[in-house]
N, C-alpha and C. Protein backbone atom coordinates (compact mmCIF):
# COMPACT_ATOMS: atom_id res chain seq x y z
N UNK A 1 45.03 23.56 11.37
CA UNK A 1 44.80 24.93 11.80
C UNK A 1 46.08 25.48 12.43
N UNK A 2 46.32 26.72 12.15
CA UNK A 2 47.50 27.32 12.74
C UNK A 2 47.21 27.75 14.17
N UNK A 3 48.28 27.94 14.91
CA UNK A 3 48.15 28.27 16.32
C UNK A 3 47.38 29.58 16.53
N UNK A 4 47.54 30.57 15.63
CA UNK A 4 46.85 31.84 15.83
C UNK A 4 45.34 31.72 15.68
N UNK A 5 44.86 30.67 15.03
CA UNK A 5 43.42 30.43 14.95
C UNK A 5 42.88 29.83 16.24
N UNK A 6 43.75 29.19 16.99
CA UNK A 6 43.32 28.49 18.20
C UNK A 6 43.62 29.23 19.49
N UNK A 7 44.47 30.23 19.44
CA UNK A 7 44.86 30.96 20.64
C UNK A 7 43.99 32.20 20.82
N UNK A 8 43.13 32.23 21.84
CA UNK A 8 42.30 33.41 22.05
C UNK A 8 43.12 34.61 22.48
N UNK A 9 42.78 35.75 21.93
CA UNK A 9 43.49 36.99 22.26
C UNK A 9 42.54 37.90 23.03
N UNK A 10 43.05 38.70 23.97
CA UNK A 10 42.17 39.57 24.77
C UNK A 10 41.61 40.72 23.93
N UNK A 11 40.47 41.21 24.34
CA UNK A 11 39.79 42.28 23.61
C UNK A 11 40.68 43.51 23.44
N UNK A 12 41.60 43.77 24.36
CA UNK A 12 42.49 44.93 24.27
C UNK A 12 43.38 44.88 23.04
N UNK A 13 43.58 43.69 22.46
CA UNK A 13 44.44 43.56 21.29
C UNK A 13 43.66 43.67 19.97
N UNK A 14 42.34 43.78 20.04
CA UNK A 14 41.53 43.88 18.83
C UNK A 14 41.54 45.32 18.33
N UNK A 15 41.57 45.51 17.02
CA UNK A 15 41.48 46.82 16.38
C UNK A 15 40.45 46.73 15.28
N UNK A 16 39.75 47.82 15.01
CA UNK A 16 38.67 47.79 14.02
C UNK A 16 39.15 47.39 12.63
N UNK A 17 40.41 47.58 12.31
CA UNK A 17 40.94 47.15 11.01
C UNK A 17 40.98 45.63 10.88
N UNK A 18 40.86 44.93 12.01
CA UNK A 18 40.89 43.47 12.00
C UNK A 18 39.56 42.88 11.54
N UNK A 19 38.50 43.67 11.60
CA UNK A 19 37.19 43.20 11.15
C UNK A 19 36.52 42.28 12.14
N UNK A 20 35.48 41.57 11.67
CA UNK A 20 34.74 40.68 12.57
C UNK A 20 35.59 39.48 12.99
N UNK A 21 35.31 38.99 14.17
CA UNK A 21 36.02 37.86 14.75
C UNK A 21 35.02 36.96 15.46
N UNK A 22 35.51 35.82 15.94
CA UNK A 22 34.73 34.97 16.84
C UNK A 22 35.07 35.43 18.26
N UNK A 23 34.06 35.79 19.01
CA UNK A 23 34.28 36.29 20.37
C UNK A 23 33.79 35.27 21.38
N UNK A 24 34.66 34.95 22.33
CA UNK A 24 34.40 33.89 23.29
C UNK A 24 34.17 34.46 24.67
N UNK A 25 33.33 33.80 25.43
CA UNK A 25 33.06 34.19 26.81
C UNK A 25 33.92 33.33 27.73
N UNK A 26 34.93 33.96 28.31
CA UNK A 26 35.83 33.27 29.24
C UNK A 26 35.64 33.90 30.62
N UNK A 27 35.73 33.10 31.64
CA UNK A 27 35.62 33.58 33.02
C UNK A 27 36.96 33.43 33.71
N UNK A 28 37.30 34.43 34.52
CA UNK A 28 38.55 34.39 35.28
C UNK A 28 38.25 33.79 36.65
N UNK A 29 39.01 32.75 37.00
CA UNK A 29 38.87 32.13 38.31
C UNK A 29 40.05 32.57 39.16
N UNK A 30 39.78 33.46 40.09
CA UNK A 30 40.83 34.06 40.89
C UNK A 30 41.57 33.02 41.74
N UNK A 31 40.83 32.05 42.28
CA UNK A 31 41.46 31.04 43.12
C UNK A 31 42.51 30.23 42.39
N UNK A 32 42.22 29.90 41.12
CA UNK A 32 43.17 29.10 40.35
C UNK A 32 44.01 29.95 39.41
N UNK A 33 43.75 31.25 39.38
CA UNK A 33 44.50 32.20 38.54
C UNK A 33 44.52 31.75 37.08
N UNK A 34 43.34 31.43 36.55
CA UNK A 34 43.27 31.00 35.16
C UNK A 34 41.92 31.40 34.55
N UNK A 35 41.92 31.45 33.23
CA UNK A 35 40.69 31.68 32.47
C UNK A 35 40.07 30.33 32.15
N UNK A 36 38.75 30.27 32.17
CA UNK A 36 38.06 29.04 31.81
C UNK A 36 36.90 29.40 30.89
N UNK A 37 36.77 28.63 29.82
CA UNK A 37 35.71 28.89 28.84
C UNK A 37 34.35 28.73 29.51
N UNK A 38 33.43 29.62 29.24
CA UNK A 38 32.12 29.63 29.89
C UNK A 38 31.12 28.71 29.20
N UNK A 39 31.58 27.87 28.27
CA UNK A 39 30.74 26.87 27.60
C UNK A 39 29.60 27.52 26.82
N UNK A 40 29.92 28.59 26.13
CA UNK A 40 28.93 29.30 25.33
C UNK A 40 29.45 29.46 23.91
N UNK A 41 28.55 29.34 22.93
CA UNK A 41 28.95 29.50 21.53
C UNK A 41 29.50 30.92 21.33
N UNK A 42 30.40 31.10 20.37
CA UNK A 42 30.98 32.42 20.16
C UNK A 42 30.00 33.39 19.52
N UNK A 43 30.24 34.66 19.77
CA UNK A 43 29.52 35.74 19.10
C UNK A 43 30.34 36.08 17.86
N UNK A 44 29.70 36.30 16.73
CA UNK A 44 30.40 36.65 15.50
C UNK A 44 30.15 38.13 15.21
N UNK A 45 31.22 38.90 15.14
CA UNK A 45 31.09 40.32 14.87
C UNK A 45 32.26 41.07 15.46
N UNK A 46 31.97 42.30 15.88
CA UNK A 46 33.01 43.13 16.48
C UNK A 46 32.39 44.00 17.56
N UNK A 47 33.23 44.61 18.40
CA UNK A 47 32.69 45.52 19.41
C UNK A 47 32.00 46.74 18.79
N UNK A 48 32.15 46.93 17.48
CA UNK A 48 31.48 48.05 16.82
C UNK A 48 30.04 47.74 16.45
N UNK A 49 29.61 46.47 16.61
CA UNK A 49 28.23 46.10 16.35
C UNK A 49 27.37 46.66 17.48
N UNK A 50 26.74 47.78 17.21
CA UNK A 50 26.03 48.49 18.27
C UNK A 50 24.56 48.12 18.39
N UNK A 51 24.03 47.37 17.46
CA UNK A 51 22.62 47.04 17.54
C UNK A 51 21.75 48.22 17.11
N UNK A 52 20.51 48.18 17.51
CA UNK A 52 19.57 49.24 17.14
C UNK A 52 18.80 49.69 18.37
N UNK A 53 18.36 50.93 18.34
CA UNK A 53 17.48 51.44 19.38
C UNK A 53 16.05 51.27 18.91
N UNK A 54 15.24 50.66 19.74
CA UNK A 54 13.83 50.44 19.43
C UNK A 54 13.03 51.43 20.26
N UNK A 55 12.10 52.10 19.61
CA UNK A 55 11.30 53.12 20.29
C UNK A 55 9.84 52.73 20.24
N UNK A 56 9.16 52.78 21.38
CA UNK A 56 7.73 52.47 21.45
C UNK A 56 6.99 53.69 22.01
N UNK A 57 5.96 54.11 21.31
CA UNK A 57 5.14 55.25 21.74
C UNK A 57 3.87 54.70 22.37
N UNK A 58 3.62 55.07 23.61
CA UNK A 58 2.42 54.64 24.32
C UNK A 58 1.80 55.85 24.99
N UNK A 59 0.66 55.64 25.61
CA UNK A 59 0.04 56.71 26.39
C UNK A 59 -0.30 56.17 27.77
N UNK A 60 -0.35 57.07 28.72
CA UNK A 60 -0.77 56.69 30.07
C UNK A 60 -2.05 57.42 30.39
N UNK A 61 -2.89 56.77 31.14
CA UNK A 61 -4.14 57.38 31.56
C UNK A 61 -4.02 57.69 33.04
N UNK A 62 -4.23 58.93 33.39
CA UNK A 62 -4.07 59.35 34.77
C UNK A 62 -5.44 59.50 35.42
N UNK A 63 -5.64 58.79 36.49
CA UNK A 63 -6.87 58.91 37.26
C UNK A 63 -6.48 59.38 38.66
N UNK A 64 -7.06 60.48 39.07
CA UNK A 64 -6.72 61.05 40.38
C UNK A 64 -7.47 60.32 41.48
N UNK A 65 -7.14 60.67 42.71
CA UNK A 65 -7.80 60.03 43.85
C UNK A 65 -9.31 60.29 43.86
N UNK A 66 -9.72 61.39 43.27
CA UNK A 66 -11.16 61.70 43.23
C UNK A 66 -11.82 61.08 41.99
N UNK A 67 -11.13 60.11 41.37
CA UNK A 67 -11.63 59.38 40.19
C UNK A 67 -11.89 60.28 38.98
N UNK A 68 -11.18 61.38 38.90
CA UNK A 68 -11.29 62.24 37.72
C UNK A 68 -10.23 61.78 36.72
N UNK A 69 -10.69 61.53 35.51
CA UNK A 69 -9.77 61.08 34.48
C UNK A 69 -9.22 62.29 33.74
N UNK A 70 -7.93 62.28 33.49
CA UNK A 70 -7.27 63.36 32.76
C UNK A 70 -6.89 62.86 31.37
N UNK A 71 -6.56 63.79 30.51
CA UNK A 71 -6.14 63.44 29.15
C UNK A 71 -4.95 62.49 29.18
N UNK A 72 -4.94 61.50 28.29
CA UNK A 72 -3.76 60.60 28.24
C UNK A 72 -2.50 61.39 27.88
N UNK A 73 -1.41 61.00 28.49
CA UNK A 73 -0.13 61.64 28.21
C UNK A 73 0.74 60.70 27.40
N UNK A 74 1.36 61.22 26.34
CA UNK A 74 2.24 60.35 25.55
C UNK A 74 3.51 60.01 26.32
N UNK A 75 3.93 58.77 26.16
CA UNK A 75 5.16 58.30 26.80
C UNK A 75 5.99 57.60 25.72
N UNK A 76 7.28 57.87 25.71
CA UNK A 76 8.17 57.22 24.75
C UNK A 76 9.14 56.33 25.52
N UNK A 77 9.17 55.06 25.15
CA UNK A 77 10.09 54.10 25.75
C UNK A 77 11.16 53.76 24.72
N UNK A 78 12.43 53.84 25.11
CA UNK A 78 13.53 53.47 24.21
C UNK A 78 14.35 52.37 24.86
N UNK A 79 14.59 51.32 24.08
CA UNK A 79 15.45 50.24 24.56
C UNK A 79 16.49 49.93 23.48
N UNK A 80 17.61 49.41 23.92
CA UNK A 80 18.68 49.03 23.00
C UNK A 80 18.56 47.54 22.75
N UNK A 81 18.41 47.14 21.49
CA UNK A 81 18.21 45.72 21.16
C UNK A 81 19.34 45.23 20.26
N UNK A 82 19.83 44.05 20.57
CA UNK A 82 20.85 43.43 19.73
C UNK A 82 22.20 44.09 19.90
N UNK A 83 23.12 43.70 19.04
CA UNK A 83 24.45 44.29 19.06
C UNK A 83 25.42 43.59 19.99
N UNK A 84 26.49 44.26 20.28
CA UNK A 84 27.60 43.72 21.05
C UNK A 84 27.14 43.30 22.44
N UNK A 85 27.35 42.01 22.79
CA UNK A 85 26.91 41.55 24.10
C UNK A 85 27.76 42.05 25.26
N UNK A 86 29.03 42.38 25.00
CA UNK A 86 29.85 43.02 26.01
C UNK A 86 30.63 42.12 26.95
N UNK A 87 30.16 40.92 27.23
CA UNK A 87 30.87 40.07 28.18
C UNK A 87 31.82 39.10 27.50
N UNK A 88 31.96 39.20 26.19
CA UNK A 88 32.92 38.35 25.49
C UNK A 88 34.30 38.99 25.62
N UNK A 89 35.23 38.23 26.18
CA UNK A 89 36.51 38.79 26.60
C UNK A 89 37.67 38.53 25.66
N UNK A 90 37.56 37.48 24.81
CA UNK A 90 38.67 37.07 23.95
C UNK A 90 38.16 36.74 22.56
N UNK A 91 39.03 36.86 21.58
CA UNK A 91 38.62 36.58 20.20
C UNK A 91 39.62 35.68 19.49
N UNK A 92 39.11 35.03 18.45
CA UNK A 92 39.95 34.28 17.51
C UNK A 92 39.48 34.65 16.11
N UNK A 93 40.35 34.52 15.11
CA UNK A 93 39.92 34.82 13.74
C UNK A 93 38.83 33.85 13.28
N UNK A 94 38.03 34.30 12.34
CA UNK A 94 37.03 33.43 11.73
C UNK A 94 37.75 32.58 10.69
N UNK A 95 37.69 31.26 10.79
CA UNK A 95 38.36 30.43 9.78
C UNK A 95 37.53 30.39 8.50
N UNK A 96 38.03 30.99 7.46
CA UNK A 96 37.33 31.00 6.18
C UNK A 96 37.75 29.77 5.37
N UNK A 97 36.79 29.04 4.81
CA UNK A 97 37.13 27.82 4.07
C UNK A 97 37.76 28.13 2.72
N UNK A 98 38.42 27.14 2.19
CA UNK A 98 38.94 27.24 0.82
C UNK A 98 37.77 27.15 -0.16
N UNK A 99 37.99 27.57 -1.38
CA UNK A 99 36.96 27.44 -2.41
C UNK A 99 36.72 25.96 -2.72
N UNK A 100 35.49 25.61 -3.10
CA UNK A 100 35.22 24.21 -3.48
C UNK A 100 36.07 23.81 -4.68
N UNK A 101 36.30 22.51 -4.81
CA UNK A 101 37.08 22.00 -5.93
C UNK A 101 36.37 22.30 -7.24
N UNK A 102 37.16 22.52 -8.28
CA UNK A 102 36.60 22.83 -9.61
C UNK A 102 35.77 21.67 -10.17
N UNK A 103 36.02 20.47 -9.69
CA UNK A 103 35.27 19.31 -10.21
C UNK A 103 33.85 19.24 -9.62
N UNK A 104 33.59 20.01 -8.57
CA UNK A 104 32.26 20.02 -7.97
C UNK A 104 31.36 21.00 -8.73
N UNK A 105 30.10 20.64 -8.85
CA UNK A 105 29.13 21.53 -9.50
C UNK A 105 27.99 21.80 -8.54
N UNK A 106 27.37 22.97 -8.67
CA UNK A 106 26.23 23.25 -7.79
C UNK A 106 25.07 22.34 -8.10
N UNK A 107 24.29 22.05 -7.08
CA UNK A 107 23.09 21.21 -7.27
C UNK A 107 21.93 22.09 -7.71
N UNK A 108 21.10 21.55 -8.57
CA UNK A 108 19.91 22.30 -9.03
C UNK A 108 18.81 22.24 -8.01
C-alpha cells in the first residue's frame, strides 16, 4: 500500500470531486497534543451523503380540565435519518482491488 492510502487527511482537504472515501473518527487529546483513533470502523461515503427526512403524521387528542374532548389535531413529526454522521474528522482513499486473474472463473 502506498503512503497516501495509509495517511489520514483532515476533512478540510476533501473536495466533492474526490468522491467517496473512508472516514475515520479520531479524537484530539489536548494534554498530549495528538490525534488518537477512536476505535470505530470507518464510514464509507462523503460529507454530501445527507440521508433522508422521515415524516410521520399523527394526531393528538385534547382533553380539557373539565374532561371535554376536542377534535383530534394533526401533528407532523420530521426527523433526519441516516447520512453523514458528522464526527468523522479524517479520510483515506478507498483501496479498490485489482481485477481477478483471467484464469479464475465464476462459481455457479
